[in-house]
């Protein structure tokens, strides 16, 4: 089981952006668990389903898998 990101932690997206974890919440309609995080570069807030947080992604034609986010 993957651990939930904790408030105050800094995570990096595979495309390079760095984000501070604000907290976790549940979607009001679906009850899906969401990660709430803030861009350290631009200050905008985002929400992503926790089910996608630890996904493997393929960045380019090299077909090498990497994690969508990783903790710094």
Protein backbone atom coordinates (compact mmCIF):
# COMPACT_ATOMS: atom_id res chain seq x y z
CA UNK A 1 0.00 0.00 0.00
CA UNK A 2 1.30 3.42 -0.93
CA UNK A 3 1.49 5.97 1.85
CA UNK A 4 -0.51 9.15 1.74
CA UNK A 5 1.49 12.33 1.08
CA UNK A 6 1.69 14.41 4.28
CA UNK A 7 1.05 18.16 4.65
CA UNK A 8 4.24 20.17 4.21
CA UNK A 9 6.08 17.51 2.20
CA UNK A 10 7.61 18.56 -1.12
CA UNK A 11 7.05 16.28 -4.11
CA UNK A 12 8.36 16.62 -7.65
CA UNK A 13 6.31 15.82 -10.75
CA UNK A 14 8.04 13.77 -13.42
CA UNK A 15 7.93 16.81 -15.75
CA UNK A 16 9.90 18.86 -13.22
CA UNK A 17 7.43 20.94 -11.20
CA UNK A 18 7.75 20.97 -7.42
CA UNK A 19 4.72 20.95 -5.17
CA UNK A 20 3.94 21.30 -1.49
CA UNK A 21 1.30 18.97 -0.09
CA UNK A 22 -1.56 20.89 1.52
CA UNK A 23 -3.65 17.93 2.62
CA UNK A 24 -6.01 15.17 1.64
CA UNK A 25 -9.77 15.32 1.17
CA UNK A 26 -12.68 13.34 -0.21
CA UNK A 27 -14.59 14.33 -3.34
CA UNK A 28 -18.03 15.43 -2.18
CA UNK A 29 -19.93 13.40 -4.78
CA UNK A 30 -17.82 10.30 -5.37
CA UNK A 31 -16.00 10.10 -2.00
CA UNK A 32 -12.77 9.55 -3.97
CA UNK A 33 -9.63 10.43 -2.00
CA UNK A 34 -7.86 13.50 -3.43
CA UNK A 35 -4.41 14.97 -2.82
CA UNK A 36 -4.47 18.78 -2.55
CA UNK A 37 -1.17 20.40 -3.46
CA UNK A 38 0.33 23.80 -4.31
CA UNK A 39 2.79 24.72 -7.05
CA UNK A 40 5.98 26.14 -5.57
CA UNK A 41 6.70 27.97 -8.85
CA UNK A 42 3.33 29.59 -9.50
CA UNK A 43 1.34 29.29 -6.26
CA UNK A 44 -1.67 27.62 -7.89
CA UNK A 45 -3.55 24.86 -6.11
CA UNK A 46 -4.35 21.49 -7.65
CA UNK A 47 -6.23 18.32 -6.75
CA UNK A 48 -5.39 14.86 -8.07
CA UNK A 49 -6.96 11.53 -7.19
CA UNK A 50 -4.74 9.61 -4.79
CA UNK A 51 -5.30 6.57 -7.01
CA UNK A 52 -3.15 8.34 -9.67
CA UNK A 53 -0.53 9.82 -7.31
CA UNK A 54 1.88 6.87 -7.36
CA UNK A 55 1.18 5.84 -10.98
CA UNK A 56 3.96 4.86 -13.34
CA UNK A 57 4.10 7.06 -16.45
CA UNK A 58 6.07 6.86 -19.69
CA UNK A 59 7.62 10.23 -20.40
CA UNK A 60 8.83 9.93 -24.00
CA UNK A 61 9.74 7.59 -26.81
CA UNK A 62 12.33 5.84 -24.60
CA UNK A 63 9.41 3.93 -23.05
CA UNK A 64 11.11 4.08 -19.63
CA UNK A 65 8.60 4.07 -16.78
CA UNK A 66 8.91 6.45 -13.87
CA UNK A 67 6.67 7.55 -11.00
CA UNK A 68 4.30 10.45 -11.64
CA UNK A 69 5.44 12.10 -8.39
CA UNK A 70 8.35 11.41 -6.09
CA UNK A 71 9.07 12.80 -2.65
CA UNK A 72 12.07 15.11 -2.22
